[in-house]
PDB file of N, CA and C in Angstrom:
ATOM      1  N   SER A   1     238.486 198.109 188.238  1.00  0.00           N
ATOM      2  CA  SER A   1     238.091 197.205 186.935  1.00  0.00           C
ATOM      3  C   SER A   1     237.225 196.256 187.797  1.00  0.00           C
ATOM      4  N   VAL A   2     236.585 196.210 186.267  1.00  0.00           N
ATOM      5  CA  VAL A   2     235.380 195.236 186.740  1.00  0.00           C
ATOM      6  C   VAL A   2     235.669 193.839 186.775  1.00  0.00           C
ATOM      7  N   SER A   3     235.780 192.745 187.863  1.00  0.00           N
ATOM      8  CA  SER A   3     236.237 191.469 187.600  1.00  0.00           C
ATOM      9  C   SER A   3     234.957 190.372 187.912  1.00  0.00           C
ATOM     10  N   ILE A   4     235.074 189.095 187.760  1.00  0.00           N
ATOM     11  CA  ILE A   4     234.245 188.068 188.188  1.00  0.00           C
ATOM     12  C   ILE A   4     234.364 187.495 189.730  1.00  0.00           C
ATOM     13  N   PRO A   5     233.918 186.682 190.114  1.00  0.00           N
ATOM     14  CA  PRO A   5     234.063 186.233 191.866  1.00  0.00           C
ATOM     15  C   PRO A   5     235.758 185.768 191.586  1.00  0.00           C
ATOM     16  N   GLU A   6     236.218 185.065 190.510  1.00  0.00           N
ATOM     17  CA  GLU A   6     237.450 184.200 190.803  1.00  0.00           C
ATOM     18  C   GLU A   6     238.389 185.634 190.674  1.00  0.00           C
ATOM     19  N   GLY A   7     238.285 187.141 190.535  1.00  0.00           N
ATOM     20  CA  GLY A   7     238.947 187.556 190.345  1.00  0.00           C
ATOM     21  C   GLY A   7     239.639 188.222 189.359  1.00  0.00           C
ATOM     22  N   ARG A   8     239.592 187.397 187.851  1.00  0.00           N
ATOM     23  CA  ARG A   8     239.845 187.726 186.823  1.00  0.00           C
ATOM     24  C   ARG A   8     239.107 188.846 186.044  1.00  0.00           C
ATOM     25  N   PRO A   9     239.812 189.760 185.663  1.00  0.00           N
ATOM     26  CA  PRO A   9     239.275 190.887 184.860  1.00  0.00           C
ATOM     27  C   PRO A   9     238.733 190.556 183.851  1.00  0.00           C
ATOM     28  N   VAL A  10     237.691 191.304 184.136  1.00  0.00           N
ATOM     29  CA  VAL A  10     236.419 191.130 182.582  1.00  0.00           C
ATOM     30  C   VAL A  10     236.418 192.238 181.428  1.00  0.00           C
ATOM     31  N   LEU A  11     236.635 193.587 182.093  1.00  0.00           N
ATOM     32  CA  LEU A  11     236.697 194.679 181.360  1.00  0.00           C
ATOM     33  C   LEU A  11     237.726 195.366 181.390  1.00  0.00           C
ATOM     34  N   GLY A  12     238.295 195.403 182.473  1.00  0.00           N
ATOM     35  CA  GLY A  12     239.754 196.109 182.661  1.00  0.00           C
ATOM     36  C   GLY A  12     239.257 197.427 183.499  1.00  0.00           C
ATOM     37  N   PRO A  13     240.387 197.987 183.202  1.00  0.00           N
ATOM     38  CA  PRO A  13     239.931 199.484 184.401  1.00  0.00           C
ATOM     39  C   PRO A  13     238.669 200.435 183.760  1.00  0.00           C
ATOM     40  N   LEU A  14     238.126 200.992 184.253  1.00  0.00           N
ATOM     41  CA  LEU A  14     237.382 201.717 183.713  1.00  0.00           C
ATOM     42  C   LEU A  14     237.764 203.366 183.401  1.00  0.00           C
ATOM     43  N   THR A  15     237.419 203.802 182.382  1.00  0.00           N
ATOM     44  CA  THR A  15     237.537 204.962 181.775  1.00  0.00           C
ATOM     45  C   THR A  15     236.830 206.139 182.320  1.00  0.00           C
ATOM     46  N   PRO A  16     237.468 207.209 182.670  1.00  0.00           N
ATOM     47  CA  PRO A  16     236.516 208.333 183.068  1.00  0.00           C
ATOM     48  C   PRO A  16     235.056 208.264 182.772  1.00  0.00           C
ATOM     49  N   PHE A  17     235.188 208.437 181.588  1.00  0.00           N
ATOM     50  CA  PHE A  17     233.930 208.350 180.522  1.00  0.00           C
ATOM     51  C   PHE A  17     233.105 206.956 180.989  1.00  0.00           C
ATOM     52  N   GLY A  18     234.004 205.726 180.986  1.00  0.00           N
ATOM     53  CA  GLY A  18     233.275 204.605 181.311  1.00  0.00           C
ATOM     54  C   GLY A  18     232.268 204.771 182.817  1.00  0.00           C
ATOM     55  N   ARG A  19     233.108 205.155 183.722  1.00  0.00           N
ATOM     56  CA  ARG A  19     232.679 205.491 185.300  1.00  0.00           C
ATOM     57  C   ARG A  19     231.281 206.549 185.199  1.00  0.00           C
ATOM     58  N   PHE A  20     231.427 207.487 184.091  1.00  0.00           N
ATOM     59  CA  PHE A  20     230.309 208.481 184.105  1.00  0.00           C
ATOM     60  C   PHE A  20     229.158 207.408 183.458  1.00  0.00           C
ATOM     61  N   LEU A  21     229.223 206.872 182.371  1.00  0.00           N
ATOM     62  CA  LEU A  21     228.065 206.200 182.007  1.00  0.00           C
ATOM     63  C   LEU A  21     227.507 204.919 182.815  1.00  0.00           C
ATOM     64  N   LEU A  22     228.305 204.679 183.348  1.00  0.00           N
ATOM     65  CA  LEU A  22     227.922 203.529 184.548  1.00  0.00           C
ATOM     66  C   LEU A  22     227.225 204.287 185.666  1.00  0.00           C
ATOM     67  N   ALA A  23     227.449 205.532 186.143  1.00  0.00           N
ATOM     68  CA  ALA A  23     226.924 206.182 186.958  1.00  0.00           C
ATOM     69  C   ALA A  23     225.745 206.676 186.587  1.00  0.00           C
ATOM     70  N   LEU A  24     225.768 206.980 185.250  1.00  0.00           N
ATOM     71  CA  LEU A  24     224.312 207.456 184.685  1.00  0.00           C
ATOM     72  C   LEU A  24     223.562 206.594 184.645  1.00  0.00           C
ATOM     73  N   THR A  25     223.533 205.347 184.131  1.00  0.00           N
ATOM     74  CA  THR A  25     222.697 204.321 184.328  1.00  0.00           C
ATOM     75  C   THR A  25     222.192 203.958 185.452  1.00  0.00           C
ATOM     76  N   ALA A  26     223.060 204.019 186.692  1.00  0.00           N
ATOM     77  CA  ALA A  26     222.664 203.706 187.909  1.00  0.00           C
ATOM     78  C   ALA A  26     221.492 204.913 188.031  1.00  0.00           C
ATOM     79  N   LEU A  27     221.673 206.396 187.719  1.00  0.00           N
ATOM     80  CA  LEU A  27     220.815 207.270 188.014  1.00  0.00           C
ATOM     81  C   LEU A  27     219.565 207.008 187.429  1.00  0.00           C
ATOM     82  N   GLY A  28     219.499 206.820 186.331  1.00  0.00           N
ATOM     83  CA  GLY A  28     218.684 206.717 185.598  1.00  0.00           C
ATOM     84  C   GLY A  28     217.413 205.484 185.823  1.00  0.00           C
ATOM     85  N   SER A  29     218.325 204.217 186.236  1.00  0.00           N
ATOM     86  CA  SER A  29     217.540 203.135 186.792  1.00  0.00           C
ATOM     87  C   SER A  29     216.785 203.666 188.021  1.00  0.00           C
ATOM     88  N   SER A  30     217.709 204.580 189.365  1.00  0.00           N
ATOM     89  CA  SER A  30     216.994 204.560 190.350  1.00  0.00           C
ATOM     90  C   SER A  30     215.885 205.982 190.192  1.00  0.00           C
ATOM     91  N   THR A  31     215.863 206.550 189.394  1.00  0.00           N
ATOM     92  CA  THR A  31     215.014 207.623 189.184  1.00  0.00           C
ATOM     93  C   THR A  31     213.085 206.697 188.905  1.00  0.00           C
ATOM     94  N   VAL A  32     213.681 205.736 187.790  1.00  0.00           N
ATOM     95  CA  VAL A  32     212.707 204.989 187.229  1.00  0.00           C
ATOM     96  C   VAL A  32     211.872 204.130 188.473  1.00  0.00           C
ATOM     97  N   LEU A  33     212.875 203.055 189.332  1.00  0.00           N
ATOM     98  CA  LEU A  33     212.528 202.536 190.228  1.00  0.00           C
ATOM     99  C   LEU A  33     211.289 203.450 191.593  1.00  0.00           C
ATOM    100  N   TRP A  34     212.070 204.716 191.763  1.00  0.00           N
ATOM    101  CA  TRP A  34     211.602 205.452 192.412  1.00  0.00           C
ATOM    102  C   TRP A  34     210.250 205.819 192.065  1.00  0.00           C
ATOM    103  N   GLU A  35     209.815 205.885 190.949  1.00  0.00           N
ATOM    104  CA  GLU A  35     208.514 206.441 189.955  1.00  0.00           C
ATOM    105  C   GLU A  35     207.842 204.778 190.503  1.00  0.00           C
ATOM    106  N   PHE A  36     208.058 203.841 190.428  1.00  0.00           N
ATOM    107  CA  PHE A  36     207.575 202.628 190.225  1.00  0.00           C
ATOM    108  C   PHE A  36     207.059 202.524 191.904  1.00  0.00           C
ATOM    109  N   PHE A  37     207.895 202.562 192.333  1.00  0.00           N
ATOM    110  CA  PHE A  37     207.660 202.558 194.124  1.00  0.00           C
ATOM    111  C   PHE A  37     206.565 203.758 194.719  1.00  0.00           C
ATOM    112  N   GLU A  38     206.535 204.952 193.962  1.00  0.00           N
ATOM    113  CA  GLU A  38     205.606 206.126 193.962  1.00  0.00           C
ATOM    114  C   GLU A  38     204.099 205.226 193.588  1.00  0.00           C
ATOM    115  N   TRP A  39     204.134 204.689 192.105  1.00  0.00           N
ATOM    116  CA  TRP A  39     202.689 204.291 191.516  1.00  0.00           C
ATOM    117  C   TRP A  39     202.295 203.261 192.681  1.00  0.00           C
ATOM    118  N   THR A  40     203.199 202.217 192.947  1.00  0.00           N
ATOM    119  CA  THR A  40     202.776 200.889 193.871  1.00  0.00           C
ATOM    120  C   THR A  40     201.942 201.230 194.912  1.00  0.00           C
ATOM    121  N   GLY A  41     202.487 202.627 195.589  1.00  0.00           N
ATOM    122  CA  GLY A  41     202.078 203.014 196.863  1.00  0.00           C
ATOM    123  C   GLY A  41     200.415 203.559 196.499  1.00  0.00           C
ATOM    124  N   ASP A  42     200.749 204.412 195.640  1.00  0.00           N
ATOM    125  CA  ASP A  42     199.124 204.691 195.004  1.00  0.00           C
ATOM    126  C   ASP A  42     198.398 203.515 194.654  1.00  0.00           C
ATOM    127  N   PHE A  43     199.031 202.392 194.221  1.00  0.00           N
ATOM    128  CA  PHE A  43     198.013 201.662 193.380  1.00  0.00           C
ATOM    129  C   PHE A  43     197.228 201.008 194.847  1.00  0.00           C
ATOM    130  N   ILE A  44     198.180 200.313 195.806  1.00  0.00           N
ATOM    131  CA  ILE A  44     197.714 199.829 196.632  1.00  0.00           C
ATOM    132  C   ILE A  44     196.894 200.566 197.958  1.00  0.00           C
ATOM    133  N   GLY A  45     196.575 201.955 197.612  1.00  0.00           N
ATOM    134  CA  GLY A  45     196.104 202.583 198.795  1.00  0.00           C
ATOM    135  C   GLY A  45     197.077 203.199 200.043  1.00  0.00           C
ATOM    136  N   LEU A  46     198.403 203.242 199.711  1.00  0.00           N
ATOM    137  CA  LEU A  46     199.037 203.338 200.933  1.00  0.00           C
ATOM    138  C   LEU A  46     199.851 204.744 200.836  1.00  0.00           C
ATOM    139  N   SER A  47     199.072 205.583 199.919  1.00  0.00           N
ATOM    140  CA  SER A  47     199.569 206.860 199.358  1.00  0.00           C
ATOM    141  C   SER A  47     199.186 207.751 198.394  1.00  0.00           C
ATOM    142  N   ASP A  48     199.218 209.095 197.987  1.00  0.00           N
ATOM    143  CA  ASP A  48     198.361 209.790 197.317  1.00  0.00           C
ATOM    144  C   ASP A  48     199.864 210.938 196.391  1.00  0.00           C
ATOM    145  N   ALA A  49     200.791 210.003 195.947  1.00  0.00           N
ATOM    146  CA  ALA A  49     201.845 210.712 195.597  1.00  0.00           C
ATOM    147  C   ALA A  49     201.830 211.216 194.486  1.00  0.00           C
ATOM    148  N   GLN A  50     201.320 210.820 193.459  1.00  0.00           N
ATOM    149  CA  GLN A  50     201.407 211.285 191.958  1.00  0.00           C
ATOM    150  C   GLN A  50     200.233 211.829 191.430  1.00  0.00           C
ATOM    151  N   ALA A  51     200.238 213.074 190.643  1.00  0.00           N
ATOM    152  CA  ALA A  51     199.800 213.590 190.762  1.00  0.00           C
ATOM    153  C   ALA A  51     198.812 213.539 188.946  1.00  0.00           C
ATOM    154  N   GLY A  52     199.867 212.572 188.581  1.00  0.00           N
ATOM    155  CA  GLY A  52     199.387 212.404 187.042  1.00  0.00           C
ATOM    156  C   GLY A  52     200.617 212.367 186.218  1.00  0.00           C
ATOM    157  N   LEU A  53     200.949 211.931 184.715  1.00  0.00           N
ATOM    158  CA  LEU A  53     201.681 211.742 183.780  1.00  0.00           C
ATOM    159  C   LEU A  53     202.728 213.085 183.964  1.00  0.00           C
ATOM    160  N   ASN A  54     202.305 214.384 183.797  1.00  0.00           N
ATOM    161  CA  ASN A  54     203.489 215.405 184.146  1.00  0.00           C
ATOM    162  C   ASN A  54     203.839 215.258 185.136  1.00  0.00           C
ATOM    163  N   ASP A  55     203.731 214.910 186.580  1.00  0.00           N
ATOM    164  CA  ASP A  55     203.946 214.850 187.589  1.00  0.00           C
ATOM    165  C   ASP A  55     205.155 214.171 187.689  1.00  0.00           C
ATOM    166  N   THR A  56     205.030 212.848 187.209  1.00  0.00           N
ATOM    167  CA  THR A  56     205.876 211.492 186.970  1.00  0.00           C
ATOM    168  C   THR A  56     206.857 212.005 185.981  1.00  0.00           C
ATOM    169  N   MET A  57     206.934 212.522 184.716  1.00  0.00           N
ATOM    170  CA  MET A  57     207.897 213.020 184.218  1.00  0.00           C
ATOM    171  C   MET A  57     208.661 214.118 184.469  1.00  0.00           C
ATOM    172  N   PHE A  58     207.947 215.272 185.158  1.00  0.00           N
ATOM    173  CA  PHE A  58     209.067 216.163 185.787  1.00  0.00           C
ATOM    174  C   PHE A  58     209.575 215.631 186.994  1.00  0.00           C
ATOM    175  N   ASP A  59     209.153 214.612 187.711  1.00  0.00           N
ATOM    176  CA  ASP A  59     210.070 214.033 189.114  1.00  0.00           C
ATOM    177  C   ASP A  59     211.024 213.362 188.127  1.00  0.00           C
ATOM    178  N   MET A  60     210.801 212.776 187.083  1.00  0.00           N
ATOM    179  CA  MET A  60     211.987 211.624 186.707  1.00  0.00           C
ATOM    180  C   MET A  60     213.154 212.864 185.930  1.00  0.00           C
ATOM    181  N   LEU A  61     212.546 214.087 185.469  1.00  0.00           N
ATOM    182  CA  LEU A  61     213.325 214.970 184.819  1.00  0.00           C
ATOM    183  C   LEU A  61     214.586 215.284 185.942  1.00  0.00           C
ATOM    184  N   MET A  62     213.723 216.093 186.848  1.00  0.00           N
ATOM    185  CA  MET A  62     214.443 216.685 187.906  1.00  0.00           C
ATOM    186  C   MET A  62     215.464 215.649 188.600  1.00  0.00           C
ATOM    187  N   GLY A  63     215.182 214.651 188.628  1.00  0.00           N
ATOM    188  CA  GLY A  63     215.794 213.673 189.783  1.00  0.00           C
ATOM    189  C   GLY A  63     217.203 213.282 188.491  1.00  0.00           C
ATOM    190  N   ILE A  64     217.405 213.208 186.973  1.00  0.00           N
ATOM    191  CA  ILE A  64     217.886 213.294 186.249  1.00  0.00           C
ATOM    192  C   ILE A  64     218.894 214.168 186.150  1.00  0.00           C
ATOM    193  N   VAL A  65     218.714 215.458 186.096  1.00  0.00           N
ATOM    194  CA  VAL A  65     219.169 216.910 186.052  1.00  0.00           C
ATOM    195  C   VAL A  65     219.722 216.731 187.326  1.00  0.00           C
ATOM    196  N   GLY A  66     219.321 216.641 188.348  1.00  0.00           N
ATOM    197  CA  GLY A  66     220.048 216.975 189.666  1.00  0.00           C
ATOM    198  C   GLY A  66     221.140 216.051 189.901  1.00  0.00           C
ATOM    199  N   GLY A  67     220.798 214.677 189.484  1.00  0.00           N
ATOM    200  CA  GLY A  67     222.033 213.946 189.738  1.00  0.00           C
ATOM    201  C   GLY A  67     223.362 214.153 188.388  1.00  0.00           C
ATOM    202  N   LEU A  68     222.804 214.634 187.289  1.00  0.00           N
ATOM    203  CA  LEU A  68     223.962 215.069 185.827  1.00  0.00           C
ATOM    204  C   LEU A  68     224.895 215.771 186.541  1.00  0.00           C
ATOM    205  N   ILE A  69     224.254 216.890 187.131  1.00  0.00           N
ATOM    206  CA  ILE A  69     225.079 218.346 187.668  1.00  0.00           C
ATOM    207  C   ILE A  69     226.598 217.827 188.118  1.00  0.00           C
ATOM    208  N   PRO A  70     226.416 216.878 189.478  1.00  0.00           N
ATOM    209  CA  PRO A  70     227.775 216.473 190.108  1.00  0.00           C
ATOM    210  C   PRO A  70     228.183 215.111 189.076  1.00  0.00           C
ATOM    211  N   LEU A  71     227.621 214.460 188.344  1.00  0.00           N
ATOM    212  CA  LEU A  71     228.326 213.269 187.387  1.00  0.00           C
ATOM    213  C   LEU A  71     229.301 214.398 186.647  1.00  0.00           C
ATOM    214  N   VAL A  72     228.587 215.429 185.612  1.00  0.00           N
ATOM    215  CA  VAL A  72     229.447 216.151 185.067  1.00  0.00           C
ATOM    216  C   VAL A  72     230.516 216.634 185.400  1.00  0.00           C
ATOM    217  N   TRP A  73     230.352 217.027 186.465  1.00  0.00           N
ATOM    218  CA  TRP A  73     231.220 218.329 187.130  1.00  0.00           C
ATOM    219  C   TRP A  73     232.656 217.176 187.363  1.00  0.00           C
ATOM    220  N   LEU A  74     231.966 215.816 188.170  1.00  0.00           N
ATOM    221  CA  LEU A  74     233.286 214.198 187.940  1.00  0.00           C
ATOM    222  C   LEU A  74     234.276 214.182 186.774  1.00  0.00           C
ATOM    223  N   LEU A  75     233.059 214.292 185.931  1.00  0.00           N
ATOM    224  CA  LEU A  75     233.954 213.602 184.801  1.00  0.00           C
ATOM    225  C   LEU A  75     234.566 214.733 184.204  1.00  0.00           C
ATOM    226  N   ARG A  76     234.470 216.040 183.897  1.00  0.00           N
ATOM    227  CA  ARG A  76     235.252 217.090 183.886  1.00  0.00           C
ATOM    228  C   ARG A  76     236.644 216.984 184.609  1.00  0.00           C
ATOM    229  N   ARG A  77     236.686 216.650 186.120  1.00  0.00           N
ATOM    230  CA  ARG A  77     237.579 216.693 186.893  1.00  0.00           C
ATOM    231  C   ARG A  77     238.502 215.628 186.641  1.00  0.00           C
ATOM    232  N   ASP A  78     237.824 214.151 186.230  1.00  0.00           N
ATOM    233  CA  ASP A  78     238.646 213.238 186.057  1.00  0.00           C
ATOM    234  C   ASP A  78     239.322 213.420 184.600  1.00  0.00           C
ATOM    235  N   LEU A  79     238.751 213.993 183.725  1.00  0.00           N
ATOM    236  CA  LEU A  79     239.465 214.361 182.523  1.00  0.00           C
ATOM    237  C   LEU A  79     240.371 215.221 182.508  1.00  0.00           C
ATOM    238  N   THR A  80     240.443 216.156 183.449  1.00  0.00           N
ATOM    239  CA  THR A  80     241.716 217.134 183.579  1.00  0.00           C
ATOM    240  C   THR A  80     242.483 216.324 183.960  1.00  0.00           C
ATOM    241  N   THR A  81     242.229 215.766 185.089  1.00  0.00           N
ATOM    242  CA  THR A  81     243.765 214.789 185.838  1.00  0.00           C
ATOM    243  C   THR A  81     244.063 213.938 184.908  1.00  0.00           C
ATOM    244  N   GLN A  82     243.599 213.309 184.294  1.00  0.00           N
ATOM    245  CA  GLN A  82     243.970 212.278 183.400  1.00  0.00           C
ATOM    246  C   GLN A  82     244.916 212.874 182.122  1.00  0.00           C
ATOM    247  N   ASN A  83     244.452 214.318 181.857  1.00  0.00           N
ATOM    248  CA  ASN A  83     245.277 215.012 180.741  1.00  0.00           C
ATOM    249  C   ASN A  83     246.585 215.548 181.240  1.00  0.00           C
ATOM    250  N   GLU A  84     246.345 216.318 182.501  1.00  0.00           N
ATOM    251  CA  GLU A  84     247.812 216.697 183.093  1.00  0.00           C
ATOM    252  C   GLU A  84     248.638 215.465 183.649  1.00  0.00           C
ATOM    253  N   ALA A  85     248.187 214.177 183.778  1.00  0.00           N
ATOM    254  CA  ALA A  85     248.910 212.993 183.983  1.00  0.00           C
ATOM    255  C   ALA A  85     250.088 212.701 182.728  1.00  0.00           C
ATOM    256  N   SER A  86     249.373 212.889 181.435  1.00  0.00           N
ATOM    257  CA  SER A  86     249.865 212.298 180.418  1.00  0.00           C
ATOM    258  C   SER A  86     250.732 213.608 179.640  1.00  0.00           C
TER     259      SER A  86
END
Protein backbone atom coordinates (compact mmCIF):
# COMPACT_ATOMS: atom_id res chain seq x y z
CA SER A 1 0.00 0.00 0.00
CA VAL A 2 1.03 3.60 -0.52
CA SER A 3 1.59 5.51 2.72
CA ILE A 4 2.97 8.84 3.93
CA PRO A 5 6.07 9.07 6.18
CA GLU A 6 4.00 8.82 9.37
CA GLY A 7 2.89 5.38 8.19
CA ARG A 8 -0.75 6.24 7.60
CA PRO A 9 -2.11 4.63 4.42
CA VAL A 10 -3.05 7.06 1.67
CA LEU A 11 -4.34 4.84 -1.11
CA GLY A 12 -4.53 1.42 0.46
CA PRO A 13 -3.24 -1.70 -1.23
CA LEU A 14 -2.63 -1.48 -4.96
CA THR A 15 -4.66 -3.75 -7.19
CA PRO A 16 -2.90 -5.71 -9.95
CA PHE A 17 -4.13 -3.14 -12.47
CA GLY A 18 -2.93 -0.29 -10.22
CA ARG A 19 0.55 -1.85 -10.08
CA PHE A 20 0.45 -2.22 -13.87
CA LEU A 21 -0.41 1.48 -14.33
CA LEU A 22 2.28 2.56 -11.88
CA ALA A 23 4.91 0.46 -13.67
CA LEU A 24 3.70 1.69 -17.09
CA THR A 25 4.06 5.29 -15.91
CA ALA A 26 7.61 4.59 -14.71
CA LEU A 27 8.38 2.87 -18.01
CA GLY A 28 7.14 5.78 -20.12
CA SER A 29 8.94 8.31 -17.94
CA SER A 30 12.22 6.42 -18.17
CA THR A 31 12.05 6.26 -21.98
CA VAL A 32 11.46 10.01 -22.19
CA LEU A 33 14.31 10.71 -19.74
CA TRP A 34 16.64 8.45 -21.73
CA GLU A 35 15.92 10.43 -24.89
CA PHE A 36 16.48 13.72 -23.02
CA PHE A 37 19.87 12.43 -21.89
CA GLU A 38 20.74 11.40 -25.46
CA TRP A 39 19.69 14.80 -26.77
CA THR A 40 21.69 16.58 -24.06
CA GLY A 41 24.79 14.55 -24.89
CA ASP A 42 24.40 15.44 -28.56
CA PHE A 43 23.69 19.11 -27.80
CA ILE A 44 26.81 19.62 -25.70
CA GLY A 45 28.96 17.61 -28.10
CA LEU A 46 29.68 14.53 -25.99
CA SER A 47 27.97 12.11 -28.37
CA ASP A 48 26.24 11.73 -31.71
CA ALA A 49 23.50 9.34 -30.62
CA GLN A 50 20.39 10.78 -32.23
CA ALA A 51 19.88 10.51 -35.97
CA GLY A 52 16.68 12.54 -36.01
CA LEU A 53 13.05 12.46 -34.98
CA ASN A 54 12.36 9.04 -36.51
CA ASP A 55 15.25 7.54 -34.53
CA THR A 56 13.99 9.11 -31.30
CA MET A 57 10.40 7.95 -31.82
CA PHE A 58 11.51 4.42 -32.78
CA ASP A 59 13.73 4.22 -29.67
CA MET A 60 10.80 5.27 -27.49
CA LEU A 61 8.44 2.81 -29.18
CA MET A 62 10.87 -0.08 -28.73
CA GLY A 63 11.50 0.86 -25.10
CA ILE A 64 7.81 0.92 -24.28
CA VAL A 65 6.97 -2.25 -26.23
CA GLY A 66 9.93 -4.05 -24.67
CA GLY A 67 8.73 -3.05 -21.21
CA LEU A 68 5.07 -3.82 -21.92
CA ILE A 69 5.74 -7.48 -22.69
CA PRO A 70 6.76 -8.45 -19.13
CA LEU A 71 4.22 -6.00 -17.64
CA VAL A 72 1.32 -7.61 -19.48
CA TRP A 73 2.58 -11.08 -18.53
CA LEU A 74 2.79 -10.04 -14.84
CA LEU A 75 -0.67 -8.43 -14.96
CA ARG A 76 -2.19 -11.61 -16.42
CA ARG A 77 -0.43 -13.70 -13.77
CA ASP A 78 -1.63 -11.43 -10.96
CA LEU A 79 -5.22 -11.39 -12.26
CA THR A 80 -5.23 -15.18 -12.63
CA THR A 81 -3.87 -15.60 -9.11
CA GLN A 82 -6.44 -13.13 -7.76
CA ASN A 83 -9.32 -14.96 -9.49
CA GLU A 84 -8.16 -18.33 -8.18
CA ALA A 85 -8.02 -16.96 -4.63
CA SER A 86 -11.61 -15.71 -4.74
